[in-house]
Amino acid sequence: MTTHDASASKQGAARSTAPRPGAAERDGGSGSGVRTLVFLRDRGIIVLWIVLVAIFAFWASPYFFTLANAALIANAAALTAVFAAAVAVGILSGALDLSIPGSATMGAVVGATIIHNGGPAWAGILAGLAVGAAVGAVNGVLVLRGLNPLVVTIASLTVLGGLAQLVAGGVPITGITQLGWMGSTSYFGIPAPVFVVAVVYLAGWLFLTKTRSGGRLLGVGGNIDAVRRVGINADRYRVLGFILSGLCAAIGGLLVTATTTQASPNPSVDLLFSALTAVALSGMPLTGGRGSLPRVLVGALIIATIASALIIRGIQPYWSTIATGVLLVLALGFERLMSRAVANRLAPPPRATLDGASTTHIPAQEA
């Protein structure tokens, strides 16, 4: 190789590796863009709810934007939020629990049966919660035996529906007024179910974000093999996820009984659909390991807000179901679009250089 050729080669290499004009500005802009995309993915549901409230405040004026209607929306959202918490905990631990309506029904029927036969209210509540936890434990153990979680939980839903009919004699258990303090009563103008939901979500948030067990449960949902490689008993936390899901479902069943003063032996699949919708609106991936309970709560509020506005405007209730279904599909598409955009910003495709090599531009990571 001649001296001239070597010099030309070095100059070409220098041109291919030297930063092009404006690269630093693009790096900064890319980092800012990633932060914006992450904000929209993780906080977009809050912005959506605020926008909907602002729109409905004018569209359904003057009845929508009132304290009385706010209490109604909060009460309606409370029931959805409890069941959504059950779905969310299961997903975060790596499994979608479809037996939630059955756990709720069985827990409510057992608790109502004890109260109806003269037992104290606290005994009925504890028995209902124990049923929900036991169902979750059975589901978890069966899944650990290698059975498909969806098949296991669907089978549990079917069995629990039959058992509830057997215990209740095929008819609703009525006259359960002893639970009115947590259902039909209001405190300071706020419905009692709102306080129950606040306790459930606060406890769930503290557990998942402030405790070692909660962090391990999220780790199992995100990558169970990695958790096992570091020596953690992943199976224990997988079962724990099912137990917590069943416990939340039982709380929801008891809350429905407290609100309606009766326990129906028929599992309500509509509650599961609403709960799944609230979870999907929160941007929580069904693969587990990532999500936020507060955002799930906002998802439940969005569903109740839409239903309230349509009722005030005198629109048929089935339009609320249609609107919620459409919003669910849009939310899933938006979450996937934002996740893909974030991934592309963090690792864009390689670019060809003048000398035929390829380089990959990776922006600085966020703090």
Protein backbone atom coordinates (compact mmCIF):
# COMPACT_ATOMS: atom_id res chain seq x y z
CA MET A 1 0.00 0.00 0.00
CA THR A 2 1.36 3.44 -0.91
CA THR A 3 1.63 6.37 1.46
CA HIS A 4 -1.13 8.17 -0.45
CA ASP A 5 -3.48 5.16 -0.17
CA ALA A 6 -2.84 4.80 3.57
CA SER A 7 -3.50 8.50 4.10
CA ALA A 8 -6.75 8.30 2.14
CA SER A 9 -7.84 5.23 4.12
CA LYS A 10 -7.20 7.00 7.43
CA GLN A 11 -9.14 10.05 6.27
CA GLY A 12 -12.06 7.86 5.20
CA ALA A 13 -12.06 6.07 8.53
CA ALA A 14 -11.96 9.37 10.38
CA ARG A 15 -14.90 10.65 8.37
CA SER A 16 -16.90 7.44 9.06
CA THR A 17 -16.36 7.53 12.82
CA ALA A 18 -16.46 11.26 13.46
CA PRO A 19 -19.75 12.62 14.77
CA ARG A 20 -21.76 14.35 12.13
CA PRO A 21 -22.95 17.92 12.55
CA GLY A 22 -25.88 18.17 14.94
CA ALA A 23 -25.31 14.70 16.45
CA ALA A 24 -25.11 16.08 19.99
CA GLU A 25 -28.34 17.99 19.50
CA ARG A 26 -30.01 14.86 18.19
CA ASP A 27 -28.76 12.86 21.17
CA GLY A 28 -30.30 15.37 23.53
CA GLY A 29 -33.49 15.48 21.50
CA SER A 30 -33.63 11.68 21.41
CA GLY A 31 -33.31 11.46 25.19
CA SER A 32 -36.04 14.03 25.60
CA GLY A 33 -38.17 12.17 23.09
CA VAL A 34 -37.77 8.91 24.97
CA ARG A 35 -38.82 10.60 28.20
CA THR A 36 -41.89 12.00 26.46
CA LEU A 37 -42.82 8.60 25.03
CA VAL A 38 -42.35 6.90 28.41
CA PHE A 39 -44.52 9.57 30.04
CA LEU A 40 -47.28 9.04 27.47
CA ARG A 41 -47.06 5.27 27.90
CA ASP A 42 -47.08 5.32 31.71
CA ARG A 43 -49.09 8.48 32.47
CA GLY A 44 -51.20 8.90 29.35
CA ILE A 45 -54.23 7.30 31.01
CA ILE A 46 -54.28 10.07 33.63
CA VAL A 47 -54.21 12.71 30.91
CA LEU A 48 -56.99 10.85 29.08
CA TRP A 49 -59.20 10.82 32.18
CA ILE A 50 -58.69 14.55 32.78
CA VAL A 51 -59.54 15.28 29.14
CA LEU A 52 -62.71 13.15 29.34
CA VAL A 53 -63.82 14.91 32.53
CA ALA A 54 -63.26 18.31 30.88
CA ILE A 55 -65.23 17.31 27.77
CA PHE A 56 -68.12 15.75 29.69
CA ALA A 57 -68.28 18.76 32.03
CA PHE A 58 -69.55 20.77 29.04
CA TRP A 59 -71.26 18.01 27.05
CA ALA A 60 -73.33 16.75 30.02
CA SER A 61 -73.69 20.12 31.76
CA PRO A 62 -74.94 21.06 34.32
CA TYR A 63 -75.40 17.69 36.04
CA PHE A 64 -72.08 15.98 35.34
CA PHE A 65 -69.60 18.26 37.08
CA THR A 66 -71.22 18.16 40.53
CA LEU A 67 -70.24 16.66 43.88
CA ALA A 68 -73.29 14.40 43.87
CA ASN A 69 -72.37 12.94 40.48
CA ALA A 70 -68.73 12.62 41.52
CA ALA A 71 -69.85 10.46 44.45
CA LEU A 72 -71.92 8.30 42.07
CA ILE A 73 -68.95 7.88 39.72
CA ALA A 74 -66.66 6.97 42.61
CA ASN A 75 -69.16 4.42 43.91
CA ALA A 76 -69.58 2.83 40.48
CA ALA A 77 -65.83 2.76 39.91
CA ALA A 78 -65.21 1.17 43.32
CA LEU A 79 -66.71 -2.20 42.39
CA THR A 80 -64.82 -2.32 39.09
CA ALA A 81 -61.61 -1.24 40.81
CA VAL A 82 -61.67 -4.08 43.37
CA PHE A 83 -62.04 -6.74 40.68
CA ALA A 84 -59.48 -4.93 38.53
CA ALA A 85 -57.03 -5.18 41.43
CA ALA A 86 -57.61 -8.94 41.49
CA VAL A 87 -56.89 -9.18 37.76
CA ALA A 88 -53.87 -6.87 38.01
CA VAL A 89 -52.18 -8.77 40.85
CA GLY A 90 -52.55 -12.02 38.91
CA ILE A 91 -51.08 -10.50 35.76
CA LEU A 92 -48.21 -8.87 37.64
CA SER A 93 -47.28 -12.28 39.04
CA GLY A 94 -47.33 -13.79 35.56
CA ALA A 95 -50.79 -15.37 35.21
CA LEU A 96 -54.22 -14.14 34.15
CA ASP A 97 -56.77 -15.45 36.65
CA LEU A 98 -60.14 -15.97 34.96
CA SER A 99 -61.73 -17.58 38.02
CA ILE A 100 -62.23 -14.19 39.70
CA PRO A 101 -66.05 -14.09 39.21
CA GLY A 102 -66.29 -17.58 40.72
CA SER A 103 -64.09 -16.68 43.70
CA ALA A 104 -66.15 -13.54 44.29
CA THR A 105 -69.44 -15.42 44.09
CA MET A 106 -68.32 -18.29 46.30
CA GLY A 107 -66.85 -15.96 48.91
CA ALA A 108 -70.01 -13.86 48.97
CA VAL A 109 -72.33 -16.88 49.19
CA VAL A 110 -70.35 -18.49 52.03
CA GLY A 111 -70.18 -15.22 53.96
CA ALA A 112 -73.86 -14.46 53.38
CA THR A 113 -74.86 -17.98 54.44
CA ILE A 114 -73.10 -17.58 57.77
CA ILE A 115 -74.69 -14.17 58.38
CA HIS A 116 -78.13 -15.36 57.22
CA ASN A 117 -78.00 -18.25 59.71
CA GLY A 118 -77.37 -15.90 62.62
CA GLY A 119 -73.58 -15.70 62.61
CA PRO A 120 -71.77 -12.41 63.27
CA ALA A 121 -70.85 -10.21 60.35
CA TRP A 122 -67.13 -10.46 61.07
CA ALA A 123 -67.30 -14.26 60.87
CA GLY A 124 -69.02 -14.07 57.48
CA ILE A 125 -66.41 -11.63 56.20
CA LEU A 126 -63.49 -13.76 57.41
CA ALA A 127 -65.04 -16.90 55.95
CA GLY A 128 -65.56 -15.22 52.58
CA LEU A 129 -61.97 -13.96 52.50
CA ALA A 130 -60.69 -17.41 53.48
CA VAL A 131 -62.61 -18.96 50.59
CA GLY A 132 -61.06 -16.52 48.12
CA ALA A 133 -57.55 -17.17 49.42
CA ALA A 134 -58.11 -20.95 49.37
CA VAL A 135 -59.31 -20.87 45.76
CA GLY A 136 -56.23 -18.87 44.80
CA ALA A 137 -53.96 -21.35 46.58
CA VAL A 138 -55.57 -24.31 44.78
CA ASN A 139 -55.22 -22.54 41.42
CA GLY A 140 -51.58 -21.78 42.13
CA VAL A 141 -50.73 -25.36 43.13
CA LEU A 142 -52.41 -26.75 40.01
CA VAL A 143 -50.49 -24.34 37.81
CA LEU A 144 -47.22 -25.39 39.47
CA ARG A 145 -48.05 -28.97 38.44
CA GLY A 146 -47.65 -27.86 34.82
CA LEU A 147 -51.28 -27.16 33.92
CA ASN A 148 -52.16 -24.17 31.75
CA PRO A 149 -53.22 -21.21 33.96
CA LEU A 150 -56.08 -20.21 31.66
CA VAL A 151 -57.50 -23.74 31.59
CA VAL A 152 -57.11 -24.11 35.36
CA THR A 153 -58.84 -20.82 36.17
CA ILE A 154 -61.65 -21.39 33.66
CA ALA A 155 -62.25 -24.82 35.23
CA SER A 156 -62.24 -23.19 38.67
CA LEU A 157 -64.79 -20.63 37.50
CA THR A 158 -67.11 -23.42 36.34
CA VAL A 159 -66.70 -25.50 39.51
CA LEU A 160 -67.15 -22.51 41.82
CA GLY A 161 -70.32 -21.46 40.01
CA GLY A 162 -71.80 -24.92 40.61
CA LEU A 163 -70.69 -24.99 44.25
CA ALA A 164 -72.22 -21.56 44.87
CA GLN A 165 -75.53 -22.78 43.46
CA LEU A 166 -75.32 -25.83 45.71
CA VAL A 167 -74.61 -23.82 48.87
CA ALA A 168 -77.27 -21.18 48.15
CA GLY A 169 -79.88 -23.69 47.00
CA GLY A 170 -80.02 -22.10 43.56
CA VAL A 171 -81.53 -18.82 44.77
CA PRO A 172 -80.00 -15.53 45.98
CA ILE A 173 -79.46 -15.15 49.72
CA THR A 174 -81.32 -11.96 50.59
CA GLY A 175 -81.67 -9.68 53.59
CA ILE A 176 -77.96 -9.30 54.29
CA THR A 177 -78.21 -5.87 55.89
CA GLN A 178 -75.46 -6.46 58.45
CA LEU A 179 -72.82 -5.40 55.90
CA GLY A 180 -74.45 -2.06 55.15
CA TRP A 181 -71.61 -0.22 56.89
CA MET A 182 -69.29 -1.18 54.02
CA GLY A 183 -71.79 -1.02 51.17
CA SER A 184 -74.83 1.25 51.24
CA THR A 185 -73.62 3.73 53.87
CA SER A 186 -71.88 7.03 53.15
CA TYR A 187 -69.34 8.79 55.34
CA PHE A 188 -68.86 12.55 54.93
CA GLY A 189 -70.79 12.28 51.67
CA ILE A 190 -68.43 9.61 50.32
CA PRO A 191 -69.82 6.09 49.67
CA ALA A 192 -68.38 3.38 51.92
CA PRO A 193 -67.06 1.24 49.00
CA VAL A 194 -64.69 4.10 48.12
CA PHE A 195 -62.98 3.73 51.50
CA VAL A 196 -62.71 -0.04 51.03
CA VAL A 197 -61.09 0.46 47.63
CA ALA A 198 -58.72 3.06 49.06
CA VAL A 199 -57.54 0.57 51.70
CA VAL A 200 -57.14 -2.24 49.13
CA TYR A 201 -55.14 -0.11 46.69
CA LEU A 202 -53.00 1.53 49.34
CA ALA A 203 -52.11 -1.86 50.83
CA GLY A 204 -51.45 -3.31 47.38
CA TRP A 205 -49.27 -0.38 46.33
CA LEU A 206 -47.23 -0.51 49.53
CA PHE A 207 -46.77 -4.27 49.19
CA LEU A 208 -45.65 -4.17 45.57
CA THR A 209 -43.37 -1.14 45.82
CA LYS A 210 -42.08 -1.09 49.40
CA THR A 211 -41.58 -4.74 50.37
CA ARG A 212 -39.10 -7.39 49.31
CA SER A 213 -41.86 -9.94 48.70
CA GLY A 214 -43.68 -7.51 46.42
CA GLY A 215 -40.54 -6.89 44.39
CA ARG A 216 -39.93 -10.61 44.05
CA LEU A 217 -43.52 -11.17 42.96
CA LEU A 218 -43.03 -8.60 40.19
CA GLY A 219 -39.76 -10.29 39.29
CA VAL A 220 -41.51 -13.65 38.93
CA GLY A 221 -44.05 -12.05 36.62
CA GLY A 222 -41.36 -10.37 34.54
CA ASN A 223 -38.79 -13.19 34.22
CA ILE A 224 -39.35 -16.28 36.33
CA ASP A 225 -36.19 -18.02 35.05
CA ALA A 226 -33.98 -15.12 36.12
CA VAL A 227 -35.56 -15.15 39.59
CA ARG A 228 -34.85 -18.87 39.92
CA ARG A 229 -31.23 -18.42 38.84
CA VAL A 230 -30.55 -16.09 41.77
CA GLY A 231 -31.82 -18.68 44.23
CA ILE A 232 -35.30 -17.33 44.99
CA ASN A 233 -38.19 -19.77 45.40
CA ALA A 234 -40.22 -18.51 42.43
CA ASP A 235 -42.99 -21.08 42.92
CA ARG A 236 -43.86 -19.58 46.31
CA TYR A 237 -44.42 -16.14 44.81
CA ARG A 238 -46.35 -17.57 41.87
CA VAL A 239 -48.80 -19.14 44.33
CA LEU A 240 -48.82 -15.93 46.37
CA GLY A 241 -50.00 -14.03 43.29
CA PHE A 242 -52.96 -16.38 42.89
CA ILE A 243 -53.79 -16.13 46.60
CA LEU A 244 -53.80 -12.32 46.52
CA SER A 245 -55.91 -12.37 43.36
CA GLY A 246 -58.47 -14.65 45.01
CA LEU A 247 -58.44 -12.51 48.15
CA CYS A 248 -59.20 -9.34 46.16
CA ALA A 249 -61.95 -11.19 44.30
CA ALA A 250 -63.54 -12.23 47.60
CA ILE A 251 -63.40 -8.63 48.82
CA GLY A 252 -65.20 -7.63 45.64
CA GLY A 253 -67.88 -10.28 46.14
CA LEU A 254 -68.48 -9.19 49.72
CA LEU A 255 -68.62 -5.56 48.58
CA VAL A 256 -71.31 -6.40 46.03
CA THR A 257 -73.27 -8.22 48.74
CA ALA A 258 -72.91 -5.25 51.09
CA THR A 259 -74.16 -2.89 48.39
CA THR A 260 -77.13 -4.97 47.16
CA THR A 261 -77.90 -6.69 50.54
CA GLN A 262 -77.97 -10.06 48.79
CA ALA A 263 -75.55 -12.71 47.52
CA SER A 264 -76.28 -14.14 44.08
CA PRO A 265 -74.99 -17.65 43.30
CA ASN A 266 -74.48 -16.74 39.64
CA PRO A 267 -70.94 -15.55 38.74
CA SER A 268 -70.99 -12.27 36.82
CA VAL A 269 -68.71 -12.40 33.79
CA ASP A 270 -69.53 -8.73 33.09
CA LEU A 271 -67.51 -7.77 36.17
CA LEU A 272 -64.52 -9.65 34.77
CA PHE A 273 -64.85 -7.83 31.45
CA SER A 274 -64.95 -4.44 33.17
CA ALA A 275 -61.96 -5.38 35.32
CA LEU A 276 -59.94 -6.53 32.31
CA THR A 277 -60.83 -3.30 30.53
CA ALA A 278 -59.62 -1.19 33.46
CA VAL A 279 -56.35 -3.14 33.57
CA ALA A 280 -55.84 -2.83 29.82
CA LEU A 281 -56.55 0.90 29.93
CA SER A 282 -53.78 1.25 32.52
CA GLY A 283 -51.24 0.05 29.96
CA MET A 284 -50.34 -3.08 31.93
CA PRO A 285 -49.00 -5.76 29.53
CA LEU A 286 -50.64 -9.16 29.87
CA THR A 287 -47.16 -10.71 29.99
CA GLY A 288 -46.75 -9.37 33.55
CA GLY A 289 -43.85 -7.88 35.45
CA ARG A 290 -44.71 -4.24 34.74
CA GLY A 291 -47.67 -2.16 35.77
CA SER A 292 -49.14 0.21 38.33
CA LEU A 293 -52.12 -0.24 40.62
CA PRO A 294 -52.86 3.52 40.75
CA ARG A 295 -53.18 3.54 36.95
CA VAL A 296 -55.55 0.57 37.17
CA LEU A 297 -57.68 2.64 39.53
CA VAL A 298 -57.76 5.46 36.96
CA GLY A 299 -58.84 2.91 34.34
CA ALA A 300 -61.84 2.00 36.51
CA LEU A 301 -62.65 5.71 36.92
CA ILE A 302 -62.60 6.18 33.13
CA ILE A 303 -65.15 3.40 32.66
CA ALA A 304 -67.47 4.86 35.31
CA THR A 305 -67.00 8.40 33.94
CA ILE A 306 -68.05 7.38 30.43
CA ALA A 307 -71.09 5.50 31.72
CA SER A 308 -72.17 8.44 33.88
CA ALA A 309 -71.93 10.97 31.05
CA LEU A 310 -73.95 8.79 28.68
CA ILE A 311 -76.65 8.19 31.29
CA ILE A 312 -76.96 11.93 31.99
CA ARG A 313 -77.35 12.59 28.27
CA GLY A 314 -80.12 9.98 28.10
CA ILE A 315 -78.18 7.64 25.80
CA GLN A 316 -78.97 3.93 25.97
CA PRO A 317 -76.68 2.00 28.40
CA TYR A 318 -75.43 -0.42 25.75
CA TRP A 319 -73.60 2.47 24.09
CA SER A 320 -71.46 2.66 27.19
CA THR A 321 -70.40 -0.95 26.65
CA ILE A 322 -69.64 -0.23 23.00
CA ALA A 323 -67.63 2.87 23.85
CA THR A 324 -65.67 1.00 26.53
CA GLY A 325 -64.87 -1.83 24.11
CA VAL A 326 -63.63 0.59 21.46
CA LEU A 327 -61.58 2.42 24.07
CA LEU A 328 -60.07 -0.89 25.16
CA VAL A 329 -58.86 -1.69 21.64
CA LEU A 330 -57.47 1.82 21.23
CA ALA A 331 -55.68 1.58 24.59
CA LEU A 332 -54.05 -1.72 23.64
CA GLY A 333 -52.93 -0.29 20.32
CA PHE A 334 -51.61 2.87 21.96
CA GLU A 335 -49.64 0.93 24.58
CA ARG A 336 -48.06 -1.25 21.90
CA LEU A 337 -47.26 1.75 19.73
CA MET A 338 -45.61 3.62 22.62
CA SER A 339 -43.61 0.58 23.74
CA ARG A 340 -42.35 0.01 20.21
CA ALA A 341 -41.48 3.68 19.83
CA VAL A 342 -39.51 3.67 23.09
CA ALA A 343 -37.64 0.53 22.01
CA ASN A 344 -36.80 2.06 18.62
CA ARG A 345 -35.52 5.26 20.24
CA LEU A 346 -33.28 3.33 22.61
CA ALA A 347 -31.95 1.00 19.92
CA PRO A 348 -32.54 2.41 16.40
CA PRO A 349 -31.59 0.38 13.32
CA PRO A 350 -27.90 0.55 12.22
CA ARG A 351 -26.86 3.20 9.70
CA ALA A 352 -24.45 2.62 6.84
CA THR A 353 -21.27 4.72 6.69
CA LEU A 354 -19.10 5.91 3.79
CA ASP A 355 -16.69 2.99 4.07
CA GLY A 356 -19.47 0.38 4.03
CA ALA A 357 -19.46 -0.34 7.79
CA SER A 358 -22.52 0.09 9.96
CA THR A 359 -22.90 2.01 13.18
CA THR A 360 -25.64 2.05 15.74
CA HIS A 361 -26.56 5.26 17.49
CA ILE A 362 -27.59 4.64 21.10
CA PRO A 363 -28.77 7.68 23.03
CA ALA A 364 -27.69 8.25 26.59
CA GLN A 365 -29.78 6.39 29.14
CA GLU A 366 -32.13 8.29 31.38
CA ALA A 367 -31.16 8.90 34.95
